Amino acid sequence: MNIANKITIFRILMIPVFLFFLLWDIFLFSRYISISIFILLALTDALDGYLARSLNLITNFGKFLDPVADKILVCAALVALVELNILPSWVVIIIISRDFIIMTFRMIASSSNIVIAADKLGKIKTILQMIMIIHLLFSFDNDLLILAGNILVWTVVGLTVFSATRYIFKNISVLKFD
C-alpha cells in the first residue's frame, strides 16, 4: 500500500476522533482540538492527491477511497453541526442528496463501462464545504462570524444545487430511457 492510500485511510480513521472532541466537550479546548483535526484532515486530502499524482501512485483503490473519505468527513461534520444546532438540517439534506444523485449516476455509468470523472466545480464545492464547516466551527456566538457563516452556507447550498443540476444535464445520456 502506497503513502497516498495510507494517508486516505488515516483520514477515515481520524473521523471518529474529530467527532469525539466536537460532540463531547470534555476537555477545556475540545472544540479547538476538533477544529484542528478537521483542518488537518482537509489538508491531508490535498496532500494525498498531490502525492498520488506527483509520485505516480494513482491506484483504483485510491480513486475509490479518496472521494469516499471526503464524503464521510464532510457528512460527519455536517450532521454533527446539526446536532450542535449550528446548521439547519435542510442544508445537510441538500448536500447529502446531491452526493447520492451523483453516486447513482456514476454507478449507472459504471455498469455500462463509462467513467464519469469529477469535474472542477465538484472539487470547488468540496473545498467550499470544508471552508464553511471550519468557519461554522469557529463561529460560536459571534454575530459577525455567524452572519458570514450564513453567507457561506447559502453560497455552498447554491453551488451544490447548481453543480448537481449541471452534472445531471451533462451526463443525462447515461440514463437509458428505453
Protein backbone atom coordinates (compact mmCIF):
# COMPACT_ATOMS: atom_id res chain seq x y z
CA MET A 1 0.00 0.00 0.00
CA ASN A 2 1.43 3.36 -1.02
CA ILE A 3 1.76 6.52 1.08
CA ALA A 4 -1.18 8.32 -0.58
CA ASN A 5 -3.55 5.44 0.24
CA LYS A 6 -2.21 5.26 3.81
CA ILE A 7 -2.98 8.96 4.26
CA THR A 8 -6.52 8.39 2.96
CA ILE A 9 -7.04 5.53 5.43
CA PHE A 10 -5.62 7.73 8.20
CA ARG A 11 -8.22 10.39 7.31
CA ILE A 12 -11.05 7.89 7.65
CA LEU A 13 -9.73 6.53 10.96
CA MET A 14 -9.44 10.06 12.39
CA ILE A 15 -13.08 11.00 11.73
CA PRO A 16 -14.35 9.39 14.98
CA VAL A 17 -11.61 11.24 16.88
CA PHE A 18 -12.74 14.53 15.31
CA LEU A 19 -16.35 13.76 16.27
CA PHE A 20 -15.38 12.78 19.81
CA PHE A 21 -13.77 16.15 20.51
CA LEU A 22 -16.50 18.06 18.71
CA LEU A 23 -19.53 16.44 20.31
CA TRP A 24 -18.28 15.66 23.80
CA ASP A 25 -17.00 18.85 25.34
CA ILE A 26 -14.98 17.03 28.00
CA PHE A 27 -11.73 18.93 27.74
CA LEU A 28 -11.09 22.64 28.10
CA PHE A 29 -10.19 23.05 24.43
CA SER A 30 -12.27 20.24 22.89
CA ARG A 31 -13.80 22.47 20.20
CA TYR A 32 -10.36 23.77 19.17
CA ILE A 33 -8.93 20.26 19.10
CA SER A 34 -11.79 19.16 16.83
CA ILE A 35 -11.25 22.16 14.55
CA SER A 36 -7.53 21.37 14.36
CA ILE A 37 -8.26 17.75 13.49
CA PHE A 38 -10.76 18.77 10.80
CA ILE A 39 -8.25 21.21 9.25
CA LEU A 40 -5.56 18.51 9.34
CA LEU A 41 -7.88 16.04 7.60
CA ALA A 42 -8.88 18.63 4.98
CA LEU A 43 -5.21 19.41 4.29
CA THR A 44 -4.26 15.74 4.11
CA ASP A 45 -6.96 15.36 1.44
CA ALA A 46 -4.95 17.74 -0.72
CA LEU A 47 -1.69 16.07 0.31
CA ASP A 48 -2.68 12.52 -0.64
CA GLY A 49 -3.94 13.72 -4.02
CA TYR A 50 -0.75 15.66 -4.63
CA LEU A 51 1.44 12.69 -3.66
CA ALA A 52 -0.57 10.27 -5.79
CA ARG A 53 -0.25 12.49 -8.86
CA SER A 54 3.34 13.69 -8.40
CA LEU A 55 4.78 10.29 -7.46
CA ASN A 56 2.63 8.38 -9.95
CA LEU A 57 0.92 6.47 -7.15
CA ILE A 58 -2.61 6.61 -8.56
CA THR A 59 -4.44 3.34 -7.89
CA ASN A 60 -8.01 2.14 -8.37
CA PHE A 61 -8.18 1.73 -4.59
CA GLY A 62 -7.19 5.39 -4.15
CA LYS A 63 -9.59 6.57 -6.84
CA PHE A 64 -12.39 4.83 -4.98
CA LEU A 65 -11.41 5.55 -1.38
CA ASP A 66 -10.31 9.20 -1.60
CA PRO A 67 -13.73 10.60 -2.55
CA VAL A 68 -15.37 8.24 -0.04
CA ALA A 69 -13.12 9.65 2.70
CA ASP A 70 -14.11 13.19 1.66
CA LYS A 71 -17.80 12.36 1.77
CA ILE A 72 -17.57 10.63 5.16
CA LEU A 73 -15.64 13.55 6.65
CA VAL A 74 -17.95 16.24 5.26
CA CYS A 75 -21.16 14.32 6.08
CA ALA A 76 -19.98 13.52 9.61
CA ALA A 77 -19.12 17.17 10.23
CA LEU A 78 -22.41 18.41 8.76
CA VAL A 79 -24.50 16.01 10.84
CA ALA A 80 -22.54 16.99 13.95
CA LEU A 81 -23.22 20.67 13.17
CA VAL A 82 -26.93 19.87 13.06
CA GLU A 83 -26.60 18.05 16.40
CA LEU A 84 -24.94 21.16 17.86
CA ASN A 85 -27.72 23.42 16.46
CA ILE A 86 -25.21 25.31 14.34
CA LEU A 87 -26.58 24.25 10.95
CA PRO A 88 -30.17 23.58 9.86
CA SER A 89 -30.88 20.01 8.75
CA TRP A 90 -32.28 21.07 5.35
CA VAL A 91 -28.78 22.23 4.34
CA VAL A 92 -27.35 18.81 5.15
CA ILE A 93 -30.19 17.07 3.30
CA ILE A 94 -29.46 19.09 0.15
CA ILE A 95 -25.72 18.39 0.30
CA ILE A 96 -26.11 14.67 1.01
CA SER A 97 -28.86 14.31 -1.62
CA ARG A 98 -26.58 15.82 -4.24
CA ASP A 99 -23.90 13.28 -3.36
CA PHE A 100 -26.37 10.37 -3.62
CA ILE A 101 -27.56 11.61 -7.01
CA ILE A 102 -24.01 11.88 -8.34
CA MET A 103 -23.11 8.48 -6.87
CA THR A 104 -26.15 6.93 -8.57
CA PHE A 105 -25.19 8.44 -11.92
CA ARG A 106 -21.65 7.09 -11.53
CA MET A 107 -22.92 3.60 -10.66
CA ILE A 108 -25.24 3.55 -13.69
CA ALA A 109 -22.44 4.81 -15.92
CA SER A 110 -20.04 2.25 -14.47
CA SER A 111 -22.44 -0.57 -15.31
CA SER A 112 -22.03 0.50 -18.96
CA ASN A 113 -18.24 0.81 -18.60
CA ILE A 114 -18.45 4.60 -18.65
CA VAL A 115 -16.25 6.53 -16.22
CA ILE A 116 -17.52 9.94 -15.16
CA ALA A 117 -14.62 11.86 -13.67
CA ALA A 118 -15.07 14.51 -11.03
CA ASP A 119 -15.04 17.98 -12.51
CA LYS A 120 -13.55 21.20 -11.19
CA LEU A 121 -16.90 22.52 -10.00
CA GLY A 122 -17.35 19.46 -7.79
CA LYS A 123 -13.88 19.96 -6.34
CA ILE A 124 -14.58 23.64 -5.71
CA LYS A 125 -17.85 22.63 -4.00
CA THR A 126 -15.99 20.25 -1.69
CA ILE A 127 -13.38 22.88 -0.81
CA LEU A 128 -16.10 25.45 -0.09
CA GLN A 129 -17.97 22.92 2.05
CA MET A 130 -14.83 22.35 4.11
CA ILE A 131 -14.24 26.10 4.46
CA MET A 132 -17.87 26.54 5.53
CA ILE A 133 -17.53 23.79 8.13
CA ILE A 134 -14.33 25.30 9.55
CA HIS A 135 -15.94 28.73 9.66
CA LEU A 136 -19.06 27.41 11.42
CA LEU A 137 -16.93 25.56 13.96
CA PHE A 138 -15.14 28.82 14.78
CA SER A 139 -18.28 30.98 14.84
CA PHE A 140 -19.60 30.13 18.32
CA ASP A 141 -21.77 33.10 19.37
CA ASN A 142 -20.03 35.88 17.45
CA ASP A 143 -22.77 37.70 15.48
CA LEU A 144 -20.44 38.94 12.72
CA LEU A 145 -18.97 35.46 12.19
CA ILE A 146 -22.46 33.96 12.24
CA LEU A 147 -23.56 36.39 9.50
CA ALA A 148 -20.52 35.50 7.39
CA GLY A 149 -21.27 31.83 8.09
CA ASN A 150 -24.84 32.27 6.83
CA ILE A 151 -23.50 33.79 3.61
CA LEU A 152 -21.14 30.83 3.25
CA VAL A 153 -23.97 28.37 3.90
CA TRP A 154 -26.15 29.94 1.20
CA THR A 155 -23.19 30.02 -1.21
CA VAL A 156 -22.48 26.33 -0.60
CA VAL A 157 -26.16 25.39 -0.97
CA GLY A 158 -26.40 27.36 -4.22
CA LEU A 159 -23.21 25.83 -5.60
CA THR A 160 -24.36 22.36 -4.51
CA VAL A 161 -27.69 22.71 -6.34
CA PHE A 162 -26.04 24.29 -9.39
CA SER A 163 -23.32 21.63 -9.63
CA ALA A 164 -25.89 18.83 -9.26
CA THR A 165 -28.09 20.33 -11.98
CA ARG A 166 -25.10 20.86 -14.28
CA TYR A 167 -23.87 17.31 -13.61
CA ILE A 168 -27.27 15.78 -14.37
CA PHE A 169 -27.70 17.64 -17.65
CA LYS A 170 -24.11 16.97 -18.68
CA ASN A 171 -24.46 13.22 -18.02
CA ILE A 172 -28.15 12.55 -18.66
CA SER A 173 -27.21 10.26 -21.54
CA VAL A 174 -26.06 7.54 -19.11
CA LEU A 175 -29.69 7.08 -18.14
CA LYS A 176 -31.19 4.96 -20.84
CA PHE A 177 -34.89 5.66 -21.01
CA ASP A 178 -35.86 2.58 -23.03
